[in-house]
Amino acid sequence: MDMEQEEGYFVDITDEEGNNFKLEIVGEVEYEDQLFRVFLPTDIDEDDPDYGFIILKCTEVNGEEMLDSVDDEELLEKVYAVYMEELFEEDEDDADTPD
């Protein structure tokens, strides 16, 4: 997938079929020496059954960051588990910090 432009926490990507999507970057995970970015779609209602995290693998091609889909369901589940663990650790740290 081609990452066309990044503005703040949003990125416009084009998939292999030429479809354009705007995604919100919500996190990243390093797993087995590979970097993955975690996104939420901006063009789908939160109540839609297809709404949820999108995990893409970051690769570098000719010095440019590219995003690739992850076809291995087991790998996706492991990366998702690591992301959720890190997310809940951050929430616990925030709860422990006095205002």
PDB file of N, CA and C in Angstrom:
ATOM      1  N   MET A   1       0.839  -1.177   0.000  1.00  0.00           N
ATOM      2  CA  MET A   1       0.000   0.000   0.000  1.00  0.00           C
ATOM      3  C   MET A   1       0.879   1.233   0.000  1.00  0.00           C
ATOM      4  N   ASP A   2       0.466   2.175  -0.733  1.00  0.00           N
ATOM      5  CA  ASP A   2       1.227   3.403  -0.868  1.00  0.00           C
ATOM      6  C   ASP A   2       0.692   4.425   0.118  1.00  0.00           C
ATOM      7  N   MET A   3       1.599   4.957   0.940  1.00  0.00           N
ATOM      8  CA  MET A   3       1.214   5.983   1.898  1.00  0.00           C
ATOM      9  C   MET A   3       1.472   7.319   1.234  1.00  0.00           C
ATOM     10  N   GLU A   4       0.409   8.005   0.843  1.00  0.00           N
ATOM     11  CA  GLU A   4       0.547   9.207   0.036  1.00  0.00           C
ATOM     12  C   GLU A   4       0.918  10.438   0.837  1.00  0.00           C
ATOM     13  N   GLN A   5       0.292  10.633   1.997  1.00  0.00           N
ATOM     14  CA  GLN A   5       0.601  11.842   2.735  1.00  0.00           C
ATOM     15  C   GLN A   5       0.228  11.626   4.185  1.00  0.00           C
ATOM     16  N   GLU A   6       0.973  12.253   5.062  1.00  0.00           N
ATOM     17  CA  GLU A   6       0.693  12.128   6.478  1.00  0.00           C
ATOM     18  C   GLU A   6       0.520  13.521   7.049  1.00  0.00           C
ATOM     19  N   GLU A   7      -0.592  13.753   7.719  1.00  0.00           N
ATOM     20  CA  GLU A   7      -0.869  15.045   8.333  1.00  0.00           C
ATOM     21  C   GLU A   7      -1.265  14.795   9.769  1.00  0.00           C
ATOM     22  N   GLY A   8      -0.408  15.139  10.708  1.00  0.00           N
ATOM     23  CA  GLY A   8      -0.726  14.903  12.105  1.00  0.00           C
ATOM     24  C   GLY A   8      -0.838  13.426  12.373  1.00  0.00           C
ATOM     25  N   TYR A   9      -2.011  13.008  12.789  1.00  0.00           N
ATOM     26  CA  TYR A   9      -2.225  11.603  13.107  1.00  0.00           C
ATOM     27  C   TYR A   9      -3.079  10.896  12.062  1.00  0.00           C
ATOM     28  N   PHE A  10      -3.145  11.430  10.876  1.00  0.00           N
ATOM     29  CA  PHE A  10      -3.943  10.841   9.809  1.00  0.00           C
ATOM     30  C   PHE A  10      -3.055  10.538   8.612  1.00  0.00           C
ATOM     31  N   VAL A  11      -3.445   9.529   7.852  1.00  0.00           N
ATOM     32  CA  VAL A  11      -2.685   9.160   6.671  1.00  0.00           C
ATOM     33  C   VAL A  11      -3.670   8.755   5.572  1.00  0.00           C
ATOM     34  N   ASP A  12      -3.363   9.157   4.351  1.00  0.00           N
ATOM     35  CA  ASP A  12      -4.134   8.740   3.184  1.00  0.00           C
ATOM     36  C   ASP A  12      -3.374   7.600   2.531  1.00  0.00           C
ATOM     37  N   ILE A  13      -4.044   6.477   2.318  1.00  0.00           N
ATOM     38  CA  ILE A  13      -3.382   5.346   1.676  1.00  0.00           C
ATOM     39  C   ILE A  13      -4.186   4.899   0.464  1.00  0.00           C
ATOM     40  N   THR A  14      -3.499   4.233  -0.444  1.00  0.00           N
ATOM     41  CA  THR A  14      -4.119   3.649  -1.621  1.00  0.00           C
ATOM     42  C   THR A  14      -3.815   2.163  -1.609  1.00  0.00           C
ATOM     43  N   ASP A  15      -4.859   1.334  -1.700  1.00  0.00           N
ATOM     44  CA  ASP A  15      -4.635  -0.108  -1.684  1.00  0.00           C
ATOM     45  C   ASP A  15      -4.253  -0.606  -3.076  1.00  0.00           C
ATOM     46  N   GLU A  16      -4.040  -1.926  -3.167  1.00  0.00           N
ATOM     47  CA  GLU A  16      -3.598  -2.533  -4.420  1.00  0.00           C
ATOM     48  C   GLU A  16      -4.609  -2.363  -5.550  1.00  0.00           C
ATOM     49  N   GLU A  17      -5.871  -2.120  -5.200  1.00  0.00           N
ATOM     50  CA  GLU A  17      -6.924  -1.978  -6.203  1.00  0.00           C
ATOM     51  C   GLU A  17      -7.197  -0.524  -6.576  1.00  0.00           C
ATOM     52  N   GLY A  18      -6.400   0.407  -6.026  1.00  0.00           N
ATOM     53  CA  GLY A  18      -6.556   1.813  -6.353  1.00  0.00           C
ATOM     54  C   GLY A  18      -7.556   2.567  -5.499  1.00  0.00           C
ATOM     55  N   ASN A  19      -8.086   1.921  -4.459  1.00  0.00           N
ATOM     56  CA  ASN A  19      -9.035   2.583  -3.558  1.00  0.00           C
ATOM     57  C   ASN A  19      -8.287   3.446  -2.551  1.00  0.00           C
ATOM     58  N   ASN A  20      -8.789   4.653  -2.319  1.00  0.00           N
ATOM     59  CA  ASN A  20      -8.164   5.571  -1.363  1.00  0.00           C
ATOM     60  C   ASN A  20      -8.910   5.530  -0.038  1.00  0.00           C
ATOM     61  N   PHE A  21      -8.135   5.573   1.053  1.00  0.00           N
ATOM     62  CA  PHE A  21      -8.696   5.549   2.397  1.00  0.00           C
ATOM     63  C   PHE A  21      -7.966   6.548   3.267  1.00  0.00           C
ATOM     64  N   LYS A  22      -8.689   7.168   4.182  1.00  0.00           N
ATOM     65  CA  LYS A  22      -8.067   8.026   5.183  1.00  0.00           C
ATOM     66  C   LYS A  22      -8.169   7.286   6.511  1.00  0.00           C
ATOM     67  N   LEU A  23      -7.020   7.073   7.141  1.00  0.00           N
ATOM     68  CA  LEU A  23      -6.960   6.338   8.393  1.00  0.00           C
ATOM     69  C   LEU A  23      -6.351   7.205   9.481  1.00  0.00           C
ATOM     70  N   GLU A  24      -6.804   6.991  10.699  1.00  0.00           N
ATOM     71  CA  GLU A  24      -6.233   7.673  11.857  1.00  0.00           C
ATOM     72  C   GLU A  24      -5.202   6.746  12.494  1.00  0.00           C
ATOM     73  N   ILE A  25      -3.988   7.254  12.657  1.00  0.00           N
ATOM     74  CA  ILE A  25      -2.942   6.478  13.320  1.00  0.00           C
ATOM     75  C   ILE A  25      -3.204   6.530  14.820  1.00  0.00           C
ATOM     76  N   VAL A  26      -3.400   5.350  15.434  1.00  0.00           N
ATOM     77  CA  VAL A  26      -3.675   5.314  16.868  1.00  0.00           C
ATOM     78  C   VAL A  26      -2.544   4.673  17.661  1.00  0.00           C
ATOM     79  N   GLY A  27      -1.584   4.071  16.983  1.00  0.00           N
ATOM     80  CA  GLY A  27      -0.461   3.486  17.706  1.00  0.00           C
ATOM     81  C   GLY A  27       0.461   2.724  16.791  1.00  0.00           C
ATOM     82  N   GLU A  28       1.533   2.239  17.405  1.00  0.00           N
ATOM     83  CA  GLU A  28       2.446   1.382  16.672  1.00  0.00           C
ATOM     84  C   GLU A  28       2.999   0.338  17.618  1.00  0.00           C
ATOM     85  N   VAL A  29       3.387  -0.785  17.038  1.00  0.00           N
ATOM     86  CA  VAL A  29       3.864  -1.922  17.807  1.00  0.00           C
ATOM     87  C   VAL A  29       5.109  -2.462  17.130  1.00  0.00           C
ATOM     88  N   GLU A  30       6.127  -2.756  17.929  1.00  0.00           N
ATOM     89  CA  GLU A  30       7.273  -3.475  17.404  1.00  0.00           C
ATOM     90  C   GLU A  30       7.130  -4.915  17.862  1.00  0.00           C
ATOM     91  N   TYR A  31       7.133  -5.828  16.911  1.00  0.00           N
ATOM     92  CA  TYR A  31       6.962  -7.246  17.209  1.00  0.00           C
ATOM     93  C   TYR A  31       7.925  -8.037  16.345  1.00  0.00           C
ATOM     94  N   GLU A  32       8.767  -8.846  16.994  1.00  0.00           N
ATOM     95  CA  GLU A  32       9.764  -9.664  16.301  1.00  0.00           C
ATOM     96  C   GLU A  32      10.564  -8.835  15.293  1.00  0.00           C
ATOM     97  N   ASP A  33      11.076  -7.712  15.767  1.00  0.00           N
ATOM     98  CA  ASP A  33      11.924  -6.814  14.970  1.00  0.00           C
ATOM     99  C   ASP A  33      11.228  -6.239  13.737  1.00  0.00           C
ATOM    100  N   GLN A  34       9.914  -6.200  13.760  1.00  0.00           N
ATOM    101  CA  GLN A  34       9.151  -5.586  12.678  1.00  0.00           C
ATOM    102  C   GLN A  34       8.256  -4.513  13.275  1.00  0.00           C
ATOM    103  N   LEU A  35       8.054  -3.436  12.534  1.00  0.00           N
ATOM    104  CA  LEU A  35       7.216  -2.340  13.000  1.00  0.00           C
ATOM    105  C   LEU A  35       5.845  -2.430  12.339  1.00  0.00           C
ATOM    106  N   PHE A  36       4.814  -2.308  13.160  1.00  0.00           N
ATOM    107  CA  PHE A  36       3.435  -2.324  12.693  1.00  0.00           C
ATOM    108  C   PHE A  36       2.762  -1.047  13.158  1.00  0.00           C
ATOM    109  N   ARG A  37       1.922  -0.471  12.326  1.00  0.00           N
ATOM    110  CA  ARG A  37       1.121   0.690  12.713  1.00  0.00           C
ATOM    111  C   ARG A  37      -0.321   0.238  12.887  1.00  0.00           C
ATOM    112  N   VAL A  38      -0.979   0.837  13.864  1.00  0.00           N
ATOM    113  CA  VAL A  38      -2.371   0.508  14.160  1.00  0.00           C
ATOM    114  C   VAL A  38      -3.217   1.727  13.803  1.00  0.00           C
ATOM    115  N   PHE A  39      -4.272   1.498  13.038  1.00  0.00           N
ATOM    116  CA  PHE A  39      -5.119   2.570  12.524  1.00  0.00           C
ATOM    117  C   PHE A  39      -6.580   2.312  12.858  1.00  0.00           C
ATOM    118  N   LEU A  40      -7.362   3.388  12.798  1.00  0.00           N
ATOM    119  CA  LEU A  40      -8.821   3.303  12.791  1.00  0.00           C
ATOM    120  C   LEU A  40      -9.306   4.016  11.538  1.00  0.00           C
ATOM    121  N   PRO A  41     -10.315   3.461  10.873  1.00  0.00           N
ATOM    122  CA  PRO A  41     -10.846   4.122   9.676  1.00  0.00           C
ATOM    123  C   PRO A  41     -11.593   5.391  10.049  1.00  0.00           C
ATOM    124  N   THR A  42     -11.497   6.400   9.198  1.00  0.00           N
ATOM    125  CA  THR A  42     -12.204   7.659   9.457  1.00  0.00           C
ATOM    126  C   THR A  42     -13.505   7.749   8.679  1.00  0.00           C
ATOM    127  N   ASP A  43     -13.703   6.836   7.724  1.00  0.00           N
ATOM    128  CA  ASP A  43     -14.873   6.919   6.852  1.00  0.00           C
ATOM    129  C   ASP A  43     -15.941   5.876   7.164  1.00  0.00           C
ATOM    130  N   ILE A  44     -15.840   5.220   8.323  1.00  0.00           N
ATOM    131  CA  ILE A  44     -16.826   4.218   8.727  1.00  0.00           C
ATOM    132  C   ILE A  44     -17.379   4.617  10.086  1.00  0.00           C
ATOM    133  N   ASP A  45     -18.678   4.530  10.245  1.00  0.00           N
ATOM    134  CA  ASP A  45     -19.316   4.832  11.520  1.00  0.00           C
ATOM    135  C   ASP A  45     -18.882   3.813  12.573  1.00  0.00           C
ATOM    136  N   GLU A  46     -18.684   4.270  13.795  1.00  0.00           N
ATOM    137  CA  GLU A  46     -18.233   3.391  14.875  1.00  0.00           C
ATOM    138  C   GLU A  46     -19.210   2.252  15.151  1.00  0.00           C
ATOM    139  N   ASP A  47     -20.470   2.401  14.781  1.00  0.00           N
ATOM    140  CA  ASP A  47     -21.466   1.349  14.994  1.00  0.00           C
ATOM    141  C   ASP A  47     -21.467   0.304  13.879  1.00  0.00           C
ATOM    142  N   ASP A  48     -20.756   0.571  12.798  1.00  0.00           N
ATOM    143  CA  ASP A  48     -20.681  -0.358  11.673  1.00  0.00           C
ATOM    144  C   ASP A  48     -19.932  -1.621  12.113  1.00  0.00           C
ATOM    145  N   PRO A  49     -20.423  -2.809  11.742  1.00  0.00           N
ATOM    146  CA  PRO A  49     -19.736  -4.049  12.138  1.00  0.00           C
ATOM    147  C   PRO A  49     -18.326  -4.174  11.557  1.00  0.00           C
ATOM    148  N   ASP A  50     -18.016  -3.448  10.488  1.00  0.00           N
ATOM    149  CA  ASP A  50     -16.677  -3.493   9.902  1.00  0.00           C
ATOM    150  C   ASP A  50     -15.700  -2.531  10.573  1.00  0.00           C
ATOM    151  N   TYR A  51     -16.197  -1.711  11.511  1.00  0.00           N
ATOM    152  CA  TYR A  51     -15.336  -0.744  12.192  1.00  0.00           C
ATOM    153  C   TYR A  51     -14.412  -1.486  13.147  1.00  0.00           C
ATOM    154  N   GLY A  52     -13.153  -1.117  13.154  1.00  0.00           N
ATOM    155  CA  GLY A  52     -12.203  -1.731  14.076  1.00  0.00           C
ATOM    156  C   GLY A  52     -10.789  -1.382  13.678  1.00  0.00           C
ATOM    157  N   PHE A  53      -9.851  -1.902  14.449  1.00  0.00           N
ATOM    158  CA  PHE A  53      -8.446  -1.628  14.197  1.00  0.00           C
ATOM    159  C   PHE A  53      -8.000  -2.231  12.873  1.00  0.00           C
ATOM    160  N   ILE A  54      -7.139  -1.499  12.198  1.00  0.00           N
ATOM    161  CA  ILE A  54      -6.476  -1.972  10.989  1.00  0.00           C
ATOM    162  C   ILE A  54      -4.990  -1.976  11.307  1.00  0.00           C
ATOM    163  N   ILE A  55      -4.356  -3.126  11.147  1.00  0.00           N
ATOM    164  CA  ILE A  55      -2.932  -3.253  11.452  1.00  0.00           C
ATOM    165  C   ILE A  55      -2.190  -3.466  10.142  1.00  0.00           C
ATOM    166  N   LEU A  56      -1.216  -2.592   9.884  1.00  0.00           N
ATOM    167  CA  LEU A  56      -0.405  -2.678   8.671  1.00  0.00           C
ATOM    168  C   LEU A  56       1.066  -2.722   9.053  1.00  0.00           C
ATOM    169  N   LYS A  57       1.831  -3.477   8.296  1.00  0.00           N
ATOM    170  CA  LYS A  57       3.266  -3.614   8.535  1.00  0.00           C
ATOM    171  C   LYS A  57       4.006  -2.498   7.809  1.00  0.00           C
ATOM    172  N   CYS A  58       4.942  -1.865   8.510  1.00  0.00           N
ATOM    173  CA  CYS A  58       5.763  -0.807   7.915  1.00  0.00           C
ATOM    174  C   CYS A  58       7.000  -1.430   7.281  1.00  0.00           C
ATOM    175  N   THR A  59       7.258  -1.071   6.056  1.00  0.00           N
ATOM    176  CA  THR A  59       8.470  -1.492   5.372  1.00  0.00           C
ATOM    177  C   THR A  59       9.088  -0.265   4.724  1.00  0.00           C
ATOM    178  N   GLU A  60      10.350  -0.381   4.379  1.00  0.00           N
ATOM    179  CA  GLU A  60      11.025   0.734   3.724  1.00  0.00           C
ATOM    180  C   GLU A  60      11.441   0.303   2.330  1.00  0.00           C
ATOM    181  N   VAL A  61      11.047   1.098   1.349  1.00  0.00           N
ATOM    182  CA  VAL A  61      11.392   0.835  -0.040  1.00  0.00           C
ATOM    183  C   VAL A  61      12.041   2.093  -0.593  1.00  0.00           C
ATOM    184  N   ASN A  62      13.301   1.973  -0.994  1.00  0.00           N
ATOM    185  CA  ASN A  62      14.058   3.108  -1.528  1.00  0.00           C
ATOM    186  C   ASN A  62      14.014   4.309  -0.593  1.00  0.00           C
ATOM    187  N   GLY A  63      14.130   4.047   0.709  1.00  0.00           N
ATOM    188  CA  GLY A  63      14.153   5.115   1.696  1.00  0.00           C
ATOM    189  C   GLY A  63      12.800   5.702   2.032  1.00  0.00           C
ATOM    190  N   GLU A  64      11.738   5.152   1.455  1.00  0.00           N
ATOM    191  CA  GLU A  64      10.385   5.658   1.701  1.00  0.00           C
ATOM    192  C   GLU A  64       9.585   4.618   2.482  1.00  0.00           C
ATOM    193  N   GLU A  65       8.860   5.084   3.512  1.00  0.00           N
ATOM    194  CA  GLU A  65       8.051   4.165   4.303  1.00  0.00           C
ATOM    195  C   GLU A  65       6.814   3.748   3.528  1.00  0.00           C
ATOM    196  N   MET A  66       6.587   2.446   3.507  1.00  0.00           N
ATOM    197  CA  MET A  66       5.410   1.878   2.853  1.00  0.00           C
ATOM    198  C   MET A  66       4.639   1.069   3.884  1.00  0.00           C
ATOM    199  N   LEU A  67       3.353   0.897   3.660  1.00  0.00           N
ATOM    200  CA  LEU A  67       2.504   0.096   4.527  1.00  0.00           C
ATOM    201  C   LEU A  67       2.026  -1.117   3.745  1.00  0.00           C
ATOM    202  N   ASP A  68       2.199  -2.294   4.349  1.00  0.00           N
ATOM    203  CA  ASP A  68       1.786  -3.538   3.704  1.00  0.00           C
ATOM    204  C   ASP A  68       0.723  -4.226   4.544  1.00  0.00           C
ATOM    205  N   SER A  69      -0.226  -4.841   3.876  1.00  0.00           N
ATOM    206  CA  SER A  69      -1.237  -5.609   4.602  1.00  0.00           C
ATOM    207  C   SER A  69      -0.576  -6.845   5.204  1.00  0.00           C
ATOM    208  N   VAL A  70      -1.181  -7.353   6.263  1.00  0.00           N
ATOM    209  CA  VAL A  70      -0.690  -8.552   6.935  1.00  0.00           C
ATOM    210  C   VAL A  70      -1.722  -9.644   6.683  1.00  0.00           C
ATOM    211  N   ASP A  71      -1.329 -10.658   5.924  1.00  0.00           N
ATOM    212  CA  ASP A  71      -2.258 -11.718   5.553  1.00  0.00           C
ATOM    213  C   ASP A  71      -2.273 -12.878   6.543  1.00  0.00           C
ATOM    214  N   ASP A  72      -1.275 -12.947   7.422  1.00  0.00           N
ATOM    215  CA  ASP A  72      -1.159 -14.027   8.399  1.00  0.00           C
ATOM    216  C   ASP A  72      -2.025 -13.707   9.621  1.00  0.00           C
ATOM    217  N   GLU A  73      -3.158 -14.406   9.763  1.00  0.00           N
ATOM    218  CA  GLU A  73      -4.100 -14.145  10.859  1.00  0.00           C
ATOM    219  C   GLU A  73      -3.450 -14.334  12.228  1.00  0.00           C
ATOM    220  N   GLU A  74      -2.599 -15.338  12.355  1.00  0.00           N
ATOM    221  CA  GLU A  74      -1.932 -15.595  13.636  1.00  0.00           C
ATOM    222  C   GLU A  74      -1.021 -14.428  14.009  1.00  0.00           C
ATOM    223  N   LEU A  75      -0.279 -13.915  13.042  1.00  0.00           N
ATOM    224  CA  LEU A  75       0.581 -12.759  13.280  1.00  0.00           C
ATOM    225  C   LEU A  75      -0.257 -11.542  13.656  1.00  0.00           C
ATOM    226  N   LEU A  76      -1.354 -11.318  12.942  1.00  0.00           N
ATOM    227  CA  LEU A  76      -2.244 -10.197  13.264  1.00  0.00           C
ATOM    228  C   LEU A  76      -2.746 -10.283  14.703  1.00  0.00           C
ATOM    229  N   GLU A  77      -3.147 -11.473  15.127  1.00  0.00           N
ATOM    230  CA  GLU A  77      -3.644 -11.659  16.489  1.00  0.00           C
ATOM    231  C   GLU A  77      -2.558 -11.372  17.519  1.00  0.00           C
ATOM    232  N   LYS A  78      -1.329 -11.788  17.235  1.00  0.00           N
ATOM    233  CA  LYS A  78      -0.226 -11.541  18.167  1.00  0.00           C
ATOM    234  C   LYS A  78       0.097 -10.053  18.262  1.00  0.00           C
ATOM    235  N   VAL A  79       0.143  -9.379  17.125  1.00  0.00           N
ATOM    236  CA  VAL A  79       0.420  -7.940  17.118  1.00  0.00           C
ATOM    237  C   VAL A  79      -0.705  -7.193  17.832  1.00  0.00           C
ATOM    238  N   TYR A  80      -1.939  -7.597  17.582  1.00  0.00           N
ATOM    239  CA  TYR A  80      -3.093  -6.987  18.252  1.00  0.00           C
ATOM    240  C   TYR A  80      -2.989  -7.173  19.765  1.00  0.00           C
ATOM    241  N   ALA A  81      -2.626  -8.367  20.209  1.00  0.00           N
ATOM    242  CA  ALA A  81      -2.502  -8.642  21.647  1.00  0.00           C
ATOM    243  C   ALA A  81      -1.426  -7.769  22.280  1.00  0.00           C
ATOM    244  N   VAL A  82      -0.296  -7.609  21.595  1.00  0.00           N
ATOM    245  CA  VAL A  82       0.780  -6.754  22.108  1.00  0.00           C
ATOM    246  C   VAL A  82       0.299  -5.308  22.180  1.00  0.00           C
ATOM    247  N   TYR A  83      -0.392  -4.842  21.146  1.00  0.00           N
ATOM    248  CA  TYR A  83      -0.902  -3.472  21.143  1.00  0.00           C
ATOM    249  C   TYR A  83      -1.868  -3.248  22.303  1.00  0.00           C
ATOM    250  N   MET A  84      -2.800  -4.167  22.494  1.00  0.00           N
ATOM    251  CA  MET A  84      -3.781  -4.017  23.569  1.00  0.00           C
ATOM    252  C   MET A  84      -3.102  -4.043  24.937  1.00  0.00           C
ATOM    253  N   GLU A  85      -2.107  -4.900  25.099  1.00  0.00           N
ATOM    254  CA  GLU A  85      -1.364  -4.957  26.361  1.00  0.00           C
ATOM    255  C   GLU A  85      -0.675  -3.624  26.630  1.00  0.00           C
ATOM    256  N   GLU A  86      -0.020  -3.074  25.610  1.00  0.00           N
ATOM    257  CA  GLU A  86       0.651  -1.781  25.768  1.00  0.00           C
ATOM    258  C   GLU A  86      -0.363  -0.668  26.026  1.00  0.00           C
ATOM    259  N   LEU A  87      -1.506  -0.729  25.378  1.00  0.00           N
ATOM    260  CA  LEU A  87      -2.543   0.278  25.554  1.00  0.00           C
ATOM    261  C   LEU A  87      -3.067   0.265  26.984  1.00  0.00           C
ATOM    262  N   PHE A  88      -3.321  -0.918  27.519  1.00  0.00           N
ATOM    263  CA  PHE A  88      -3.822  -1.011  28.889  1.00  0.00           C
ATOM    264  C   PHE A  88      -2.754  -0.632  29.900  1.00  0.00           C
ATOM    265  N   GLU A  89      -1.479  -0.911  29.600  1.00  0.00           N
ATOM    266  CA  GLU A  89      -0.397  -0.473  30.487  1.00  0.00           C
ATOM    267  C   GLU A  89      -0.361   1.044  30.557  1.00  0.00           C
ATOM    268  N   GLU A  90      -0.545   1.716  29.413  1.00  0.00           N
ATOM    269  CA  GLU A  90      -0.576   3.180  29.388  1.00  0.00           C
ATOM    270  C   GLU A  90      -1.743   3.703  30.207  1.00  0.00           C
ATOM    271  N   ASP A  91      -2.912   3.059  30.081  1.00  0.00           N
ATOM    272  CA  ASP A  91      -4.082   3.476  30.855  1.00  0.00           C
ATOM    273  C   ASP A  91      -3.834   3.324  32.347  1.00  0.00           C
ATOM    274  N   GLU A  92      -3.194   2.229  32.751  1.00  0.00           N
ATOM    275  CA  GLU A  92      -2.891   2.013  34.160  1.00  0.00           C
ATOM    276  C   GLU A  92      -1.897   3.050  34.656  1.00  0.00           C
ATOM    277  N   ASP A  93      -0.890   3.370  33.833  1.00  0.00           N
ATOM    278  CA  ASP A  93       0.094   4.388  34.214  1.00  0.00           C
ATOM    279  C   ASP A  93      -0.579   5.741  34.381  1.00  0.00           C
ATOM    280  N   ASP A  94      -1.507   6.073  33.482  1.00  0.00           N
ATOM    281  CA  ASP A  94      -2.232   7.343  33.584  1.00  0.00           C
ATOM    282  C   ASP A  94      -3.088   7.386  34.843  1.00  0.00           C
ATOM    283  N   ALA A  95      -3.676   6.260  35.212  1.00  0.00           N
ATOM    284  CA  ALA A  95      -4.526   6.206  36.403  1.00  0.00           C
ATOM    285  C   ALA A  95      -3.697   6.340  37.675  1.00  0.00           C
ATOM    286  N   ASP A  96      -2.439   5.888  37.636  1.00  0.00           N
ATOM    287  CA  ASP A  96      -1.560   5.961  38.802  1.00  0.00           C
ATOM    288  C   ASP A  96      -0.958   7.340  38.992  1.00  0.00           C
ATOM    289  N   THR A  97      -1.001   8.177  37.959  1.00  0.00           N
ATOM    290  CA  THR A  97      -0.404   9.505  38.017  1.00  0.00           C
ATOM    291  C   THR A  97      -1.398  10.490  38.629  1.00  0.00           C
ATOM    292  N   PRO A  98      -0.999  11.134  39.744  1.00  0.00           N
ATOM    293  CA  PRO A  98      -1.916  12.114  40.341  1.00  0.00           C
ATOM    294  C   PRO A  98      -2.052  13.346  39.454  1.00  0.00           C
ATOM    295  N   ASP A  99      -3.223  13.946  39.478  1.00  0.00           N
ATOM    296  CA  ASP A  99      -3.485  15.149  38.664  1.00  0.00           C
ATOM    297  C   ASP A  99      -2.891  16.374  39.284  1.00  0.00           C
TER     298      ASP A  99
END
